[in-house]
């Protein structure tokens, strides 16, 4: 899926790109239900069928969800 500013993804509205790297692209978005800004990471299409890459992505998501700091 290709994102551009204004794209809707469920309850999220894509606002702007943040960056990209080997594991995908990160976008600034707005959660329209909670009215707050979030970051959304999008994996490359070829990762969808790679069990190891999906596992690494899930581990990364769990690790980052545990972070709690006022500057994040």
PDB file of N, CA and C in Angstrom:
ATOM      1  N   UNK A   1       0.844  -1.178   0.000  1.00  0.00           N
ATOM      2  CA  UNK A   1       0.000   0.000   0.000  1.00  0.00           C
ATOM      3  C   UNK A   1       0.887   1.239   0.000  1.00  0.00           C
ATOM      4  N   UNK A   2       0.547   2.204  -0.807  1.00  0.00           N
ATOM      5  CA  UNK A   2       1.284   3.453  -0.883  1.00  0.00           C
ATOM      6  C   UNK A   2       0.547   4.522  -0.088  1.00  0.00           C
ATOM      7  N   UNK A   3       1.286   5.211   0.777  1.00  0.00           N
ATOM      8  CA  UNK A   3       0.692   6.265   1.582  1.00  0.00           C
ATOM      9  C   UNK A   3       1.078   7.630   1.039  1.00  0.00           C
ATOM     10  N   UNK A   4       0.163   8.561   1.184  1.00  0.00           N
ATOM     11  CA  UNK A   4       0.416   9.970   0.938  1.00  0.00           C
ATOM     12  C   UNK A   4      -0.300  10.735   2.039  1.00  0.00           C
ATOM     13  N   UNK A   5       0.040  11.985   2.204  1.00  0.00           N
ATOM     14  CA  UNK A   5      -0.627  12.808   3.204  1.00  0.00           C
ATOM     15  C   UNK A   5      -2.132  12.781   2.960  1.00  0.00           C
ATOM     16  N   UNK A   6      -2.884  12.507   4.020  1.00  0.00           N
ATOM     17  CA  UNK A   6      -4.339  12.451   3.926  1.00  0.00           C
ATOM     18  C   UNK A   6      -4.905  11.058   3.761  1.00  0.00           C
ATOM     19  N   UNK A   7      -4.053  10.063   3.480  1.00  0.00           N
ATOM     20  CA  UNK A   7      -4.526   8.683   3.358  1.00  0.00           C
ATOM     21  C   UNK A   7      -5.150   8.245   4.674  1.00  0.00           C
ATOM     22  N   UNK A   8      -6.253   7.512   4.613  1.00  0.00           N
ATOM     23  CA  UNK A   8      -6.915   6.970   5.807  1.00  0.00           C
ATOM     24  C   UNK A   8      -6.566   5.494   5.924  1.00  0.00           C
ATOM     25  N   UNK A   9      -6.224   5.079   7.119  1.00  0.00           N
ATOM     26  CA  UNK A   9      -5.913   3.687   7.427  1.00  0.00           C
ATOM     27  C   UNK A   9      -6.688   3.345   8.694  1.00  0.00           C
ATOM     28  N   UNK A  10      -7.885   2.828   8.525  1.00  0.00           N
ATOM     29  CA  UNK A  10      -8.746   2.586   9.678  1.00  0.00           C
ATOM     30  C   UNK A  10      -9.042   3.906  10.361  1.00  0.00           C
ATOM     31  N   UNK A  11      -8.747   3.977  11.661  1.00  0.00           N
ATOM     32  CA  UNK A  11      -8.996   5.196  12.434  1.00  0.00           C
ATOM     33  C   UNK A  11      -7.845   6.191  12.349  1.00  0.00           C
ATOM     34  N   UNK A  12      -6.851   5.905  11.521  1.00  0.00           N
ATOM     35  CA  UNK A  12      -5.665   6.754  11.432  1.00  0.00           C
ATOM     36  C   UNK A  12      -5.651   7.557  10.138  1.00  0.00           C
ATOM     37  N   UNK A  13      -5.224   8.814  10.256  1.00  0.00           N
ATOM     38  CA  UNK A  13      -5.051   9.674   9.087  1.00  0.00           C
ATOM     39  C   UNK A  13      -3.563   9.969   8.941  1.00  0.00           C
ATOM     40  N   UNK A  14      -2.995   9.623   7.796  1.00  0.00           N
ATOM     41  CA  UNK A  14      -1.577   9.832   7.543  1.00  0.00           C
ATOM     42  C   UNK A  14      -1.313  11.325   7.384  1.00  0.00           C
ATOM     43  N   UNK A  15      -0.296  11.839   8.122  1.00  0.00           N
ATOM     44  CA  UNK A  15       0.019  13.264   8.091  1.00  0.00           C
ATOM     45  C   UNK A  15       1.283  13.577   7.298  1.00  0.00           C
ATOM     46  N   UNK A  16       2.374  12.821   7.545  1.00  0.00           N
ATOM     47  CA  UNK A  16       3.644  13.130   6.883  1.00  0.00           C
ATOM     48  C   UNK A  16       4.622  11.977   7.071  1.00  0.00           C
ATOM     49  N   UNK A  17       5.555  11.828   6.138  1.00  0.00           N
ATOM     50  CA  UNK A  17       6.584  10.809   6.320  1.00  0.00           C
ATOM     51  C   UNK A  17       7.571  11.250   7.398  1.00  0.00           C
ATOM     52  N   UNK A  18       8.070  10.282   8.164  1.00  0.00           N
ATOM     53  CA  UNK A  18       9.099  10.557   9.168  1.00  0.00           C
ATOM     54  C   UNK A  18      10.445  10.069   8.660  1.00  0.00           C
ATOM     55  N   UNK A  19      10.468   8.848   8.130  1.00  0.00           N
ATOM     56  CA  UNK A  19      11.716   8.296   7.619  1.00  0.00           C
ATOM     57  C   UNK A  19      11.514   6.888   7.114  1.00  0.00           C
ATOM     58  N   UNK A  20      12.588   6.332   6.546  1.00  0.00           N
ATOM     59  CA  UNK A  20      12.508   4.946   6.099  1.00  0.00           C
ATOM     60  C   UNK A  20      13.868   4.296   6.201  1.00  0.00           C
ATOM     61  N   UNK A  21      13.831   2.972   6.302  1.00  0.00           N
ATOM     62  CA  UNK A  21      15.052   2.199   6.426  1.00  0.00           C
ATOM     63  C   UNK A  21      14.822   0.790   5.930  1.00  0.00           C
ATOM     64  N   UNK A  22      15.684  -0.117   6.348  1.00  0.00           N
ATOM     65  CA  UNK A  22      15.624  -1.490   5.881  1.00  0.00           C
ATOM     66  C   UNK A  22      14.378  -2.248   6.296  1.00  0.00           C
ATOM     67  N   UNK A  23      13.748  -1.839   7.381  1.00  0.00           N
ATOM     68  CA  UNK A  23      12.555  -2.544   7.864  1.00  0.00           C
ATOM     69  C   UNK A  23      11.258  -1.832   7.498  1.00  0.00           C
ATOM     70  N   UNK A  24      11.310  -0.791   6.676  1.00  0.00           N
ATOM     71  CA  UNK A  24      10.078  -0.151   6.239  1.00  0.00           C
ATOM     72  C   UNK A  24      10.091   1.356   6.359  1.00  0.00           C
ATOM     73  N   UNK A  25       8.904   1.936   6.239  1.00  0.00           N
ATOM     74  CA  UNK A  25       8.713   3.382   6.321  1.00  0.00           C
ATOM     75  C   UNK A  25       7.938   3.727   7.591  1.00  0.00           C
ATOM     76  N   UNK A  26       8.261   4.881   8.167  1.00  0.00           N
ATOM     77  CA  UNK A  26       7.547   5.359   9.352  1.00  0.00           C
ATOM     78  C   UNK A  26       6.847   6.663   8.976  1.00  0.00           C
ATOM     79  N   UNK A  27       5.568   6.742   9.339  1.00  0.00           N
ATOM     80  CA  UNK A  27       4.730   7.892   9.018  1.00  0.00           C
ATOM     81  C   UNK A  27       4.156   8.507  10.283  1.00  0.00           C
ATOM     82  N   UNK A  28       4.070   9.826  10.305  1.00  0.00           N
ATOM     83  CA  UNK A  28       3.348  10.528  11.370  1.00  0.00           C
ATOM     84  C   UNK A  28       1.878  10.467  10.987  1.00  0.00           C
ATOM     85  N   UNK A  29       1.048  10.136  11.962  1.00  0.00           N
ATOM     86  CA  UNK A  29      -0.384   9.995  11.691  1.00  0.00           C
ATOM     87  C   UNK A  29      -1.176  10.515  12.885  1.00  0.00           C
ATOM     88  N   UNK A  30      -2.475  10.657  12.685  1.00  0.00           N
ATOM     89  CA  UNK A  30      -3.368  11.082  13.767  1.00  0.00           C
ATOM     90  C   UNK A  30      -4.380   9.985  14.010  1.00  0.00           C
ATOM     91  N   UNK A  31      -4.467   9.570  15.275  1.00  0.00           N
ATOM     92  CA  UNK A  31      -5.490   8.616  15.693  1.00  0.00           C
ATOM     93  C   UNK A  31      -6.768   9.425  15.873  1.00  0.00           C
ATOM     94  N   UNK A  32      -7.728   9.234  14.978  1.00  0.00           N
ATOM     95  CA  UNK A  32      -8.944  10.050  15.011  1.00  0.00           C
ATOM     96  C   UNK A  32      -9.874   9.682  16.161  1.00  0.00           C
ATOM     97  N   UNK A  33      -9.703   8.485  16.730  1.00  0.00           N
ATOM     98  CA  UNK A  33     -10.540   8.102  17.879  1.00  0.00           C
ATOM     99  C   UNK A  33     -10.067   8.770  19.151  1.00  0.00           C
ATOM    100  N   UNK A  34      -8.750   8.806  19.352  1.00  0.00           N
ATOM    101  CA  UNK A  34      -8.186   9.361  20.584  1.00  0.00           C
ATOM    102  C   UNK A  34      -7.666  10.782  20.402  1.00  0.00           C
ATOM    103  N   UNK A  35      -7.734  11.287  19.170  1.00  0.00           N
ATOM    104  CA  UNK A  35      -7.281  12.634  18.848  1.00  0.00           C
ATOM    105  C   UNK A  35      -5.861  12.887  19.342  1.00  0.00           C
ATOM    106  N   UNK A  36      -4.947  12.013  18.933  1.00  0.00           N
ATOM    107  CA  UNK A  36      -3.541  12.183  19.289  1.00  0.00           C
ATOM    108  C   UNK A  36      -2.678  11.747  18.111  1.00  0.00           C
ATOM    109  N   UNK A  37      -1.439  12.240  18.094  1.00  0.00           N
ATOM    110  CA  UNK A  37      -0.516  11.865  17.036  1.00  0.00           C
ATOM    111  C   UNK A  37       0.188  10.567  17.390  1.00  0.00           C
ATOM    112  N   UNK A  38       0.420   9.759  16.377  1.00  0.00           N
ATOM    113  CA  UNK A  38       1.079   8.468  16.538  1.00  0.00           C
ATOM    114  C   UNK A  38       2.076   8.288  15.402  1.00  0.00           C
ATOM    115  N   UNK A  39       2.915   7.278  15.523  1.00  0.00           N
ATOM    116  CA  UNK A  39       3.813   6.872  14.440  1.00  0.00           C
ATOM    117  C   UNK A  39       3.334   5.518  13.938  1.00  0.00           C
ATOM    118  N   UNK A  40       3.291   5.369  12.624  1.00  0.00           N
ATOM    119  CA  UNK A  40       2.880   4.108  12.007  1.00  0.00           C
ATOM    120  C   UNK A  40       4.029   3.603  11.157  1.00  0.00           C
ATOM    121  N   UNK A  41       4.422   2.362  11.395  1.00  0.00           N
ATOM    122  CA  UNK A  41       5.482   1.749  10.600  1.00  0.00           C
ATOM    123  C   UNK A  41       4.857   0.798   9.599  1.00  0.00           C
ATOM    124  N   UNK A  42       5.282   0.914   8.354  1.00  0.00           N
ATOM    125  CA  UNK A  42       4.751   0.103   7.263  1.00  0.00           C
ATOM    126  C   UNK A  42       5.876  -0.753   6.701  1.00  0.00           C
ATOM    127  N   UNK A  43       5.667  -2.059   6.727  1.00  0.00           N
ATOM    128  CA  UNK A  43       6.666  -2.980   6.188  1.00  0.00           C
ATOM    129  C   UNK A  43       6.616  -3.006   4.668  1.00  0.00           C
ATOM    130  N   UNK A  44       7.754  -3.273   4.021  1.00  0.00           N
ATOM    131  CA  UNK A  44       7.744  -3.458   2.567  1.00  0.00           C
ATOM    132  C   UNK A  44       6.877  -4.662   2.191  1.00  0.00           C
ATOM    133  N   UNK A  45       6.282  -4.627   1.004  1.00  0.00           N
ATOM    134  CA  UNK A  45       5.396  -5.702   0.549  1.00  0.00           C
ATOM    135  C   UNK A  45       6.054  -7.077   0.600  1.00  0.00           C
ATOM    136  N   UNK A  46       7.341  -7.156   0.267  1.00  0.00           N
ATOM    137  CA  UNK A  46       7.998  -8.468   0.224  1.00  0.00           C
ATOM    138  C   UNK A  46       8.217  -9.075   1.608  1.00  0.00           C
ATOM    139  N   UNK A  47       7.992  -8.321   2.669  1.00  0.00           N
ATOM    140  CA  UNK A  47       8.114  -8.858   4.028  1.00  0.00           C
ATOM    141  C   UNK A  47       6.883  -9.670   4.432  1.00  0.00           C
ATOM    142  N   UNK A  48       5.777  -9.473   3.760  1.00  0.00           N
ATOM    143  CA  UNK A  48       4.507 -10.086   4.165  1.00  0.00           C
ATOM    144  C   UNK A  48       4.564 -11.604   4.224  1.00  0.00           C
ATOM    145  N   UNK A  49       5.377 -12.225   3.393  1.00  0.00           N
ATOM    146  CA  UNK A  49       5.470 -13.689   3.359  1.00  0.00           C
ATOM    147  C   UNK A  49       6.750 -14.218   3.984  1.00  0.00           C
ATOM    148  N   UNK A  50       7.465 -13.382   4.720  1.00  0.00           N
ATOM    149  CA  UNK A  50       8.722 -13.789   5.345  1.00  0.00           C
ATOM    150  C   UNK A  50       8.511 -13.889   6.861  1.00  0.00           C
ATOM    151  N   UNK A  51       8.383 -15.110   7.356  1.00  0.00           N
ATOM    152  CA  UNK A  51       8.069 -15.337   8.777  1.00  0.00           C
ATOM    153  C   UNK A  51       9.114 -14.727   9.703  1.00  0.00           C
ATOM    154  N   UNK A  52      10.397 -14.793   9.337  1.00  0.00           N
ATOM    155  CA  UNK A  52      11.450 -14.252  10.195  1.00  0.00           C
ATOM    156  C   UNK A  52      11.345 -12.728  10.299  1.00  0.00           C
ATOM    157  N   UNK A  53      11.116 -12.073   9.193  1.00  0.00           N
ATOM    158  CA  UNK A  53      10.986 -10.612   9.216  1.00  0.00           C
ATOM    159  C   UNK A  53       9.737 -10.179   9.978  1.00  0.00           C
ATOM    160  N   UNK A  54       8.652 -10.910   9.828  1.00  0.00           N
ATOM    161  CA  UNK A  54       7.438 -10.583  10.581  1.00  0.00           C
ATOM    162  C   UNK A  54       7.659 -10.764  12.078  1.00  0.00           C
ATOM    163  N   UNK A  55       8.387 -11.809  12.461  1.00  0.00           N
ATOM    164  CA  UNK A  55       8.702 -12.039  13.875  1.00  0.00           C
ATOM    165  C   UNK A  55       9.547 -10.887  14.420  1.00  0.00           C
ATOM    166  N   UNK A  56      10.553 -10.452  13.661  1.00  0.00           N
ATOM    167  CA  UNK A  56      11.399  -9.333  14.088  1.00  0.00           C
ATOM    168  C   UNK A  56      10.575  -8.052  14.241  1.00  0.00           C
ATOM    169  N   UNK A  57       9.646  -7.841  13.319  1.00  0.00           N
ATOM    170  CA  UNK A  57       8.781  -6.665  13.393  1.00  0.00           C
ATOM    171  C   UNK A  57       7.920  -6.710  14.652  1.00  0.00           C
ATOM    172  N   UNK A  58       7.362  -7.866  14.966  1.00  0.00           N
ATOM    173  CA  UNK A  58       6.545  -8.013  16.174  1.00  0.00           C
ATOM    174  C   UNK A  58       7.375  -7.777  17.429  1.00  0.00           C
ATOM    175  N   UNK A  59       8.625  -8.275  17.454  1.00  0.00           N
ATOM    176  CA  UNK A  59       9.501  -8.044  18.605  1.00  0.00           C
ATOM    177  C   UNK A  59       9.789  -6.549  18.770  1.00  0.00           C
ATOM    178  N   UNK A  60      10.045  -5.880  17.658  1.00  0.00           N
ATOM    179  CA  UNK A  60      10.303  -4.441  17.699  1.00  0.00           C
ATOM    180  C   UNK A  60       9.078  -3.685  18.215  1.00  0.00           C
ATOM    181  N   UNK A  61       7.897  -4.087  17.758  1.00  0.00           N
ATOM    182  CA  UNK A  61       6.663  -3.430  18.200  1.00  0.00           C
ATOM    183  C   UNK A  61       6.457  -3.612  19.703  1.00  0.00           C
ATOM    184  N   UNK A  62       6.708  -4.811  20.208  1.00  0.00           N
ATOM    185  CA  UNK A  62       6.570  -5.052  21.649  1.00  0.00           C
ATOM    186  C   UNK A  62       7.561  -4.222  22.443  1.00  0.00           C
ATOM    187  N   UNK A  63       8.801  -4.145  21.972  1.00  0.00           N
ATOM    188  CA  UNK A  63       9.827  -3.384  22.682  1.00  0.00           C
ATOM    189  C   UNK A  63       9.492  -1.894  22.706  1.00  0.00           C
ATOM    190  N   UNK A  64       9.075  -1.347  21.583  1.00  0.00           N
ATOM    191  CA  UNK A  64       8.769   0.089  21.552  1.00  0.00           C
ATOM    192  C   UNK A  64       7.488   0.422  22.305  1.00  0.00           C
ATOM    193  N   UNK A  65       6.547  -0.505  22.360  1.00  0.00           N
ATOM    194  CA  UNK A  65       5.307  -0.228  23.095  1.00  0.00           C
ATOM    195  C   UNK A  65       5.545  -0.160  24.597  1.00  0.00           C
ATOM    196  N   UNK A  66       6.654  -0.727  25.065  1.00  0.00           N
ATOM    197  CA  UNK A  66       6.974  -0.707  26.492  1.00  0.00           C
ATOM    198  C   UNK A  66       7.659   0.597  26.910  1.00  0.00           C
ATOM    199  N   UNK A  67       8.089   1.408  25.942  1.00  0.00           N
ATOM    200  CA  UNK A  67       8.769   2.661  26.267  1.00  0.00           C
ATOM    201  C   UNK A  67       7.774   3.682  26.801  1.00  0.00           C
ATOM    202  N   UNK A  68       8.199   4.395  27.841  1.00  0.00           N
ATOM    203  CA  UNK A  68       7.347   5.417  28.439  1.00  0.00           C
ATOM    204  C   UNK A  68       8.241   6.548  28.938  1.00  0.00           C
ATOM    205  N   UNK A  69       8.249   7.644  28.199  1.00  0.00           N
ATOM    206  CA  UNK A  69       9.085   8.784  28.554  1.00  0.00           C
ATOM    207  C   UNK A  69       8.423  10.045  27.996  1.00  0.00           C
ATOM    208  N   UNK A  70       8.462  11.151  28.726  1.00  0.00           N
ATOM    209  CA  UNK A  70       7.783  12.360  28.256  1.00  0.00           C
ATOM    210  C   UNK A  70       8.321  12.906  26.929  1.00  0.00           C
ATOM    211  N   UNK A  71       9.543  12.565  26.560  1.00  0.00           N
ATOM    212  CA  UNK A  71      10.117  13.064  25.308  1.00  0.00           C
ATOM    213  C   UNK A  71       9.857  12.156  24.117  1.00  0.00           C
ATOM    214  N   UNK A  72       9.067  11.110  24.318  1.00  0.00           N
ATOM    215  CA  UNK A  72       8.748  10.203  23.204  1.00  0.00           C
ATOM    216  C   UNK A  72       7.341  10.497  22.735  1.00  0.00           C
TER     217      UNK A  72
END
